[in-house]
Protein backbone atom coordinates (compact mmCIF):
# COMPACT_ATOMS: atom_id res chain seq x y z
CA MET A 1 28.86 17.96 -25.32
CA THR A 2 31.70 20.20 -26.40
CA ASN A 3 35.06 20.26 -24.67
CA GLN A 4 34.21 23.71 -23.34
CA ASP A 5 31.03 22.28 -21.77
CA ILE A 6 33.11 19.56 -20.11
CA TYR A 7 35.56 22.16 -18.84
CA ASN A 8 32.68 24.23 -17.42
CA ASN A 9 31.23 21.15 -15.72
CA ILE A 10 34.42 20.23 -13.91
CA ILE A 11 34.94 23.85 -12.82
CA ASN A 12 31.36 24.00 -11.50
CA PHE A 13 31.85 20.64 -9.76
CA LEU A 14 34.83 22.05 -7.85
CA ILE A 15 33.36 25.48 -7.07
CA ASN A 16 30.16 23.89 -5.75
CA ARG A 17 32.33 21.88 -3.36
CA ASN A 18 34.11 25.00 -2.10
CA TRP A 19 37.34 24.69 -4.06
CA LYS A 20 38.94 28.08 -4.74
CA LYS A 21 40.55 29.03 -8.02
CA GLU A 22 43.90 30.44 -6.97
CA GLU A 23 45.31 31.34 -10.38
CA VAL A 24 45.11 30.62 -14.10
CA LYS A 25 48.26 29.41 -15.79
CA THR A 26 48.95 28.85 -19.47
CA LYS A 27 47.63 25.28 -19.50
CA TYR A 28 46.00 24.86 -16.10
CA ASP A 29 43.57 26.42 -13.66
CA VAL A 30 45.02 26.02 -10.19
CA PHE A 31 42.61 25.19 -7.35
CA ILE A 32 43.15 25.00 -3.62
CA PRO A 33 41.01 22.54 -1.62
CA PRO A 34 38.25 23.43 0.82
CA PHE A 35 39.08 23.52 4.50
CA GLU A 36 36.80 20.57 5.31
CA LEU A 37 39.01 18.15 3.36
CA ASN A 38 41.88 18.76 5.83
CA PHE A 39 44.50 18.63 3.09
CA ASN A 40 48.03 19.87 3.46
CA SER A 41 48.18 23.64 2.97
CA THR A 42 50.49 23.19 -0.02
CA TYR A 43 48.07 20.91 -1.92
CA LYS A 44 46.92 22.20 -5.30
CA LEU A 45 44.75 20.68 -8.02
CA TYR A 46 45.61 21.50 -11.63
CA ILE A 47 42.70 21.45 -14.07
CA TYR A 48 43.70 21.27 -17.71
CA ASN A 49 42.09 24.25 -19.45
CA LYS A 50 43.11 23.80 -23.08
CA TYR A 51 39.72 22.55 -24.25
CA ASP A 52 40.61 23.32 -27.87
CA ARG A 53 43.43 20.76 -27.83
CA ASN A 54 43.19 17.11 -28.88
CA ASP A 55 44.57 15.91 -25.56
CA PHE A 56 41.93 17.76 -23.49
CA GLU A 57 39.80 14.70 -22.65
CA GLU A 58 42.91 12.78 -21.61
CA GLY A 59 43.76 15.58 -19.19
CA ILE A 60 40.23 15.64 -17.79
CA ILE A 61 40.27 11.87 -17.23
CA LYS A 62 43.39 12.34 -15.10
CA ASN A 63 41.53 14.99 -13.10
CA LEU A 64 38.55 12.66 -12.67
CA ASN A 65 40.81 9.92 -11.34
CA ILE A 66 42.07 12.32 -8.67
CA LEU A 67 38.55 13.49 -7.77
CA SER A 68 37.39 9.89 -7.64
CA GLN A 69 39.93 9.20 -4.90
CA ILE A 70 39.23 12.43 -3.02
CA TYR A 71 35.45 11.99 -2.93
CA GLU A 72 35.37 8.19 -2.98
CA GLU A 73 33.20 8.23 -6.08
CA TYR A 74 33.28 5.78 -8.96
CA ILE A 75 35.07 7.34 -11.91
CA ASP A 76 32.25 6.16 -14.19
CA ASP A 77 29.81 8.24 -12.13
CA LEU A 78 32.04 11.31 -12.40
CA ALA A 79 32.41 10.75 -16.14
CA SER A 80 28.62 10.60 -16.49
CA ILE A 81 28.25 13.87 -14.60
CA ILE A 82 31.13 15.87 -16.08
CA ILE A 83 31.75 14.42 -19.54
CA GLU A 84 28.24 13.25 -20.47
CA ASP A 85 26.45 16.07 -18.58
CA LYS A 86 24.08 13.70 -16.76
CA GLN A 87 22.98 13.29 -13.16
CA ILE A 88 23.13 10.07 -11.14
CA LEU A 89 20.53 8.69 -8.76
CA SER A 90 22.03 6.19 -6.34
CA LEU A 91 19.86 3.80 -4.31
CA HIS A 92 22.00 2.22 -1.58
CA ILE A 93 20.21 -0.51 0.34
CA GLU A 94 21.52 -1.44 3.78
CA ASN A 95 20.24 -4.79 4.97
CA ASP A 96 22.46 -7.44 6.55
CA TYR A 97 19.87 -10.18 6.06
CA ILE A 98 19.62 -9.51 2.32
CA LYS A 99 23.42 -9.29 2.05
CA ASN A 100 24.01 -12.55 3.90
CA ALA A 101 21.10 -14.54 2.47
CA HIS A 102 21.52 -13.12 -1.04
CA PRO A 103 18.61 -11.23 -2.63
CA SER A 104 15.86 -13.22 -4.31
CA MET A 105 15.81 -13.45 -8.10
CA SER A 106 12.98 -10.91 -8.22
CA PHE A 107 14.54 -8.41 -5.80
CA PHE A 108 16.42 -6.20 -8.26
CA PRO A 109 13.88 -6.46 -11.12
CA ASN A 110 11.20 -5.29 -8.66
CA LEU A 111 13.46 -2.48 -7.47
CA ILE A 112 14.06 -1.31 -11.05
CA LEU A 113 10.34 -1.53 -11.88
CA LYS A 114 9.33 0.52 -8.83
CA SER A 115 12.13 3.01 -9.50
CA LYS A 116 10.86 3.52 -13.04
CA GLU A 117 7.32 4.04 -11.80
CA LEU A 118 8.54 6.54 -9.21
CA LEU A 119 10.55 8.50 -11.78
CA GLN A 120 7.62 8.61 -14.18
CA GLU A 121 5.26 9.95 -11.52
CA VAL A 122 7.77 12.63 -10.50
CA ALA A 123 7.99 13.69 -14.14
CA ASN A 124 4.18 13.73 -14.44
CA PHE A 125 3.95 15.84 -11.28
CA SER A 126 6.58 18.26 -12.61
CA ILE A 127 4.54 18.74 -15.79
CA ILE A 128 0.96 18.70 -14.44
CA LYS A 129 1.75 20.47 -11.13
CA GLN A 130 -1.27 19.03 -9.32
CA PRO A 131 -1.24 17.05 -6.03
CA HIS A 132 -3.10 14.17 -7.69
CA PHE A 133 -3.78 13.16 -11.27
CA PHE A 134 -4.84 10.13 -13.29
CA GLU A 135 -3.10 10.60 -16.64
CA ASN A 136 0.44 9.99 -17.87
CA THR A 137 2.03 12.72 -19.97
CA GLU A 138 4.09 12.41 -23.12
CA GLU A 139 6.80 14.44 -21.40
CA ALA A 140 7.03 11.90 -18.57
CA GLU A 141 7.51 9.15 -21.15
CA ARG A 142 10.26 11.19 -22.77
CA TYR A 143 11.98 11.74 -19.42
CA LEU A 144 11.83 8.04 -18.58
CA ASN A 145 13.24 7.10 -21.99
CA LEU A 146 16.25 9.33 -21.26
CA CYS A 147 17.01 7.47 -18.01
CA ASN A 148 19.57 4.67 -18.09
CA PHE A 149 19.38 1.91 -15.50
CA PHE A 150 22.76 0.39 -14.70
CA LYS A 151 23.19 -3.24 -13.77
CA ASN A 152 24.28 -3.80 -10.17
CA ASP A 153 27.85 -4.88 -9.55
CA LYS A 154 28.05 -8.46 -8.31
CA GLY A 155 27.37 -8.55 -4.57
CA SER A 156 26.40 -4.87 -4.50
CA LEU A 157 23.20 -3.46 -3.05
CA ILE A 158 23.71 -0.14 -4.83
CA THR A 159 21.52 0.59 -7.83
CA LYS A 160 22.41 3.54 -10.04
CA ILE A 161 20.26 5.36 -12.56
CA GLN A 162 21.65 7.89 -15.01
CA LEU A 163 19.21 10.79 -15.28
CA PRO A 164 18.84 13.50 -17.91
CA ASN A 165 20.18 16.87 -16.84
CA ASN A 166 19.93 19.84 -19.20
CA GLU A 167 17.78 18.07 -21.79
CA GLU A 168 14.50 19.90 -22.33
CA ILE A 169 11.67 17.60 -21.27
CA LYS A 170 8.84 20.05 -21.82
CA GLU A 171 9.28 22.69 -24.46
CA GLY A 172 8.80 26.27 -23.35
CA ASN A 173 6.55 28.75 -25.10
CA LEU A 174 5.44 32.36 -24.85
CA PHE A 175 3.48 31.69 -21.65
CA GLU A 176 5.45 28.90 -19.94
CA ILE A 177 9.09 28.24 -19.19
CA GLY A 178 10.40 24.89 -20.42
CA ILE A 179 11.19 22.08 -17.97
CA THR A 180 14.55 20.30 -17.98
CA GLY A 181 15.57 16.94 -16.58
CA SER A 182 17.44 18.58 -13.69
CA GLN A 183 14.23 20.28 -12.49
CA ILE A 184 12.44 16.93 -12.39
CA ASN A 185 15.39 15.35 -10.57
CA LYS A 186 15.30 18.15 -8.01
CA ASN A 187 11.60 17.53 -7.42
CA LEU A 188 12.34 13.84 -6.91
CA ILE A 189 14.92 14.34 -4.17
CA GLU A 190 12.98 17.16 -2.48
CA ILE A 191 9.69 15.22 -2.30
CA THR A 192 11.51 12.09 -1.12
CA SER A 193 13.34 14.08 1.57
CA PHE A 194 10.04 15.64 2.67
CA ILE A 195 8.32 12.25 3.02
CA ASN A 196 11.31 10.69 4.80
CA LYS A 197 11.77 13.58 7.21
CA ASP A 198 8.28 14.93 7.92
CA ILE A 199 5.82 12.12 7.23
CA ILE A 200 7.21 8.63 7.82
CA GLY A 201 8.04 9.08 11.49
CA ASN A 202 4.84 10.93 12.43
CA ASP A 203 2.33 8.42 13.77
CA ASN A 204 -1.33 9.35 13.24
CA PHE A 205 -0.18 12.57 11.60
CA LYS A 206 -3.07 14.82 10.61
CA PRO A 207 -1.49 17.86 8.98
CA GLU A 208 -3.16 21.21 9.41
CA ASP A 209 -4.06 23.31 6.40
CA ASP A 210 -1.17 25.70 7.08
CA PHE A 211 1.31 22.81 6.87
CA LEU A 212 -0.14 21.62 3.56
CA ILE A 213 -0.15 25.11 2.07
CA LEU A 214 3.44 25.70 3.20
CA ASN A 215 4.55 22.47 1.51
CA LYS A 216 2.26 22.68 -1.51
CA LYS A 217 5.13 22.29 -3.99
CA LEU A 218 6.01 18.94 -2.38
CA LEU A 219 2.53 17.43 -2.25
CA SER A 220 2.03 14.63 -4.73
CA VAL A 221 -0.21 11.70 -3.93
CA ASN A 222 1.11 9.83 -6.97
CA VAL A 223 4.78 10.26 -6.04
CA THR A 224 4.11 9.49 -2.37
CA ASN A 225 2.32 6.26 -3.25
CA LYS A 226 5.09 5.15 -5.62
CA LEU A 227 7.70 5.89 -2.97
CA LYS A 228 5.72 3.70 -0.57
CA GLU A 229 5.69 0.91 -3.17
CA LEU A 230 9.44 1.27 -3.65
CA TYR A 231 10.04 0.86 0.08
CA THR A 232 7.82 -2.21 0.33
CA SER A 233 9.49 -3.75 -2.75
CA ILE A 234 12.82 -3.82 -0.89
CA ASP A 235 11.25 -5.49 2.16
CA LEU A 236 11.37 -2.26 4.23
CA ALA A 237 15.18 -2.26 4.19
CA ASP A 238 17.18 0.84 5.14
CA ILE A 239 17.96 2.89 2.05
CA ASP A 240 20.04 5.95 1.15
CA ILE A 241 18.85 7.86 -1.90
CA THR A 242 21.44 10.25 -3.34
CA LEU A 243 21.26 12.67 -6.25
CA LYS A 244 24.71 13.33 -7.71
CA SER A 245 25.53 16.16 -10.09
CA THR A 246 27.94 19.06 -10.53
CA GLU A 247 26.07 20.54 -7.57
CA LYS A 248 26.75 19.12 -4.12
CA ASN A 249 25.35 15.64 -3.62
CA ILE A 250 21.94 15.59 -1.96
CA LYS A 251 21.14 12.55 0.16
CA THR A 252 18.03 11.45 2.00
CA SER A 253 17.79 8.29 4.07
CA VAL A 254 15.12 6.22 5.70
CA LYS A 255 15.91 3.77 8.51
CA ASP A 256 14.03 1.23 10.59
CA LEU A 257 11.02 1.04 8.31
CA ASN A 258 8.03 -0.98 9.49
CA ASN A 259 4.37 -1.41 8.60
CA GLU A 260 3.33 1.39 10.94
CA LYS A 261 5.57 3.85 9.10
CA ILE A 262 4.23 2.66 5.76
CA ASP A 263 0.74 3.31 7.14
CA ASN A 264 1.83 6.86 7.93
CA ILE A 265 2.53 7.37 4.22
CA LYS A 266 -0.87 5.92 3.30
CA ASN A 267 -2.65 8.13 5.81
CA PHE A 268 -0.87 11.23 4.57
CA SER A 269 -1.91 10.51 0.98
CA ARG A 270 -5.47 10.06 2.15
CA VAL A 271 -5.45 13.39 4.00
CA VAL A 272 -4.24 15.20 0.88
CA ARG A 273 -6.96 13.59 -1.21
CA GLU A 274 -9.58 14.49 1.39
CA LYS A 275 -8.42 18.09 1.23
CA MET A 276 -8.79 17.90 -2.56
CA LYS A 277 -12.35 16.62 -2.05
CA GLU A 278 -11.40 13.36 -3.79
CA ILE A 279 -12.33 11.38 -0.68
CA SER A 280 -15.55 12.48 0.98
CA GLU A 281 -18.77 11.21 2.53
CA ASN A 282 -21.74 11.35 0.20
CA ASP A 283 -25.35 10.31 -0.22
CA VAL A 284 -25.84 9.05 -3.77
CA TYR A 285 -29.14 8.07 -5.35
CA GLY A 286 -29.04 6.15 -8.60
CA LYS A 287 -29.83 3.12 -10.73
CA ILE A 288 -27.83 -0.11 -10.73
CA ILE A 289 -26.19 -0.60 -14.12
CA GLN A 290 -24.13 -3.71 -13.37
CA LEU A 291 -24.17 -6.67 -10.97
CA SER A 292 -21.15 -8.91 -10.42
CA SER A 293 -20.80 -11.88 -8.08
CA ARG A 294 -19.15 -15.28 -8.10
CA ASP A 295 -20.99 -16.36 -4.96
CA VAL A 296 -24.07 -14.43 -3.87
CA ASP A 297 -23.77 -15.97 -0.41
CA GLY A 298 -20.22 -14.62 -0.06
CA GLU A 299 -19.02 -11.18 0.97
CA LYS A 300 -17.38 -10.09 -2.29
CA ASN A 301 -20.28 -8.94 -4.39
CA THR A 302 -19.96 -5.83 -6.53
CA ILE A 303 -22.44 -3.48 -8.15
CA LYS A 304 -22.08 -0.37 -10.25
CA VAL A 305 -24.51 2.47 -9.74
CA GLU A 306 -25.04 5.47 -11.98
CA GLY A 307 -25.91 8.59 -10.01
CA LEU A 308 -25.14 12.27 -9.55
CA ILE A 309 -22.09 13.45 -7.60
CA LYS A 310 -21.67 17.22 -7.46
CA ASN A 311 -24.39 17.38 -10.12
CA ILE A 312 -22.29 15.32 -12.53
CA LYS A 313 -23.43 11.91 -13.77
CA SER A 314 -20.95 9.42 -12.33
CA THR A 315 -20.40 5.70 -11.91
CA ILE A 316 -19.98 4.40 -8.37
CA VAL A 317 -18.54 0.95 -7.57
CA VAL A 318 -19.81 -0.64 -4.35
CA GLN A 319 -18.88 -3.91 -2.68
CA LEU A 320 -21.84 -5.46 -0.86
CA SER A 321 -22.51 -8.15 1.68
CA SER A 322 -24.62 -11.13 0.68
CA ASP A 323 -27.82 -9.66 2.16
CA ASP A 324 -27.31 -6.25 0.56
CA TYR A 325 -26.44 -7.85 -2.77
CA LYS A 326 -29.76 -9.71 -2.77
CA LEU A 327 -31.52 -6.40 -2.13
CA ALA A 328 -29.57 -4.90 -5.03
CA THR A 329 -30.57 -7.76 -7.32
CA ASP A 330 -34.25 -7.23 -6.53
CA ALA A 331 -33.94 -3.46 -7.03
CA HIS A 332 -32.23 -3.98 -10.39
CA LYS A 333 -34.98 -6.33 -11.57
CA ALA A 334 -37.62 -3.81 -10.50
CA ASN A 335 -35.73 -0.90 -12.10
CA GLN A 336 -35.72 0.69 -8.65
CA SER A 337 -33.27 3.36 -7.50
CA VAL A 338 -30.96 2.72 -4.55
CA LEU A 339 -29.44 4.92 -1.86
CA ILE A 340 -25.74 4.70 -1.04
CA ASN A 341 -24.23 6.49 1.93
CA GLY A 342 -20.51 6.12 2.51
CA ILE A 343 -16.97 7.37 2.02
CA LEU A 344 -16.28 7.68 -1.70
CA GLU A 345 -12.88 7.77 -3.35
CA LYS A 346 -12.47 9.30 -6.79
CA GLU A 347 -10.70 7.14 -9.37
CA LYS A 348 -9.80 7.86 -12.98
CA SER A 349 -13.24 7.36 -14.51
CA GLN A 350 -15.43 6.43 -11.55
CA TYR A 351 -15.87 6.52 -7.78
CA LYS A 352 -15.28 3.65 -5.38
CA VAL A 353 -17.00 3.27 -2.01
CA ILE A 354 -14.22 2.58 0.48
CA GLU A 355 -16.48 2.60 3.55
CA LEU A 356 -20.16 1.76 3.10
CA LYS A 357 -22.39 3.10 5.85
CA LYS A 358 -25.82 2.53 4.36
CA PHE A 359 -27.33 0.77 1.36
CA GLU A 360 -31.03 0.39 0.63
CA PRO A 361 -33.54 0.43 -2.22
CA PHE A 362 -35.09 3.86 -2.53
CA SER A 363 -38.64 4.80 -3.38
CA LYS A 364 -39.61 8.41 -3.95
């Protein structure tokens, strides 16, 4: 970062918050505050503009101290944004029980872990641009490596993550524009806002195709699932998620979470996958290639079947009851094909039957 970059950042910070540059003096740009701050009409803010001088950073620090008081922001956050050219993600948990009883030893490590997973999936989504995917990208790893996770202040339920801003995460080429950290951060807050506003509170929500098409740029099964895991990791506490930058802060909140609202997120992810034909009802004929059971008289017996799905040879994992597992064992010994009818869910390298409707040995 050059001093001129720092100067540009603080000017953009003010302009994006409706400050008006009244005049330019020899050493200072003079700003008048926005109406919404209700300051005295004579108030003026002087921004040191001699970025080629050795005392420039000292002058900017003085400005940051003033802005810290005006906007009730930590000066370290403002320094990250303006001097280091980063963005800040703030996770502010509101939960009286956790505050009074003190969080468990695993509370914040779990929060950091789930935050990292969420950030990585947002980066993957920004690169792959598909509603669902199974691979991690090198670019997502790069983005995550550029994130800094700050330790919570003692007694604080605010977690802060320093995010890359103008760093190029995916290099551009003749056919594609590069992707910067700020674009990924924007996707994060927009998808989170979408889930918090339009999905969580809608019980038994079954979105129509028009709704999904309208919000196509916000549809990510991976990000939605990681957001759900983040919320469950903090025991369904109220949380404010804020993206801070030279632009105006963007905040999204979720309150009064419960298991029903978490189910709404699950159901929405399932609907998207159904629309992608990743969850569908199928008849599959095939040969058993693996049997697995710790107790054949129990209800947790698993087989793998190799069969055709959409004319592609695929592996299907099925959990069977004791009676069906015994049928499967006999069919496997006899090298006999089996019929599976049920709701199949596509995974990375196989399909899983999530609702079995029919299983039987099959003879042509």
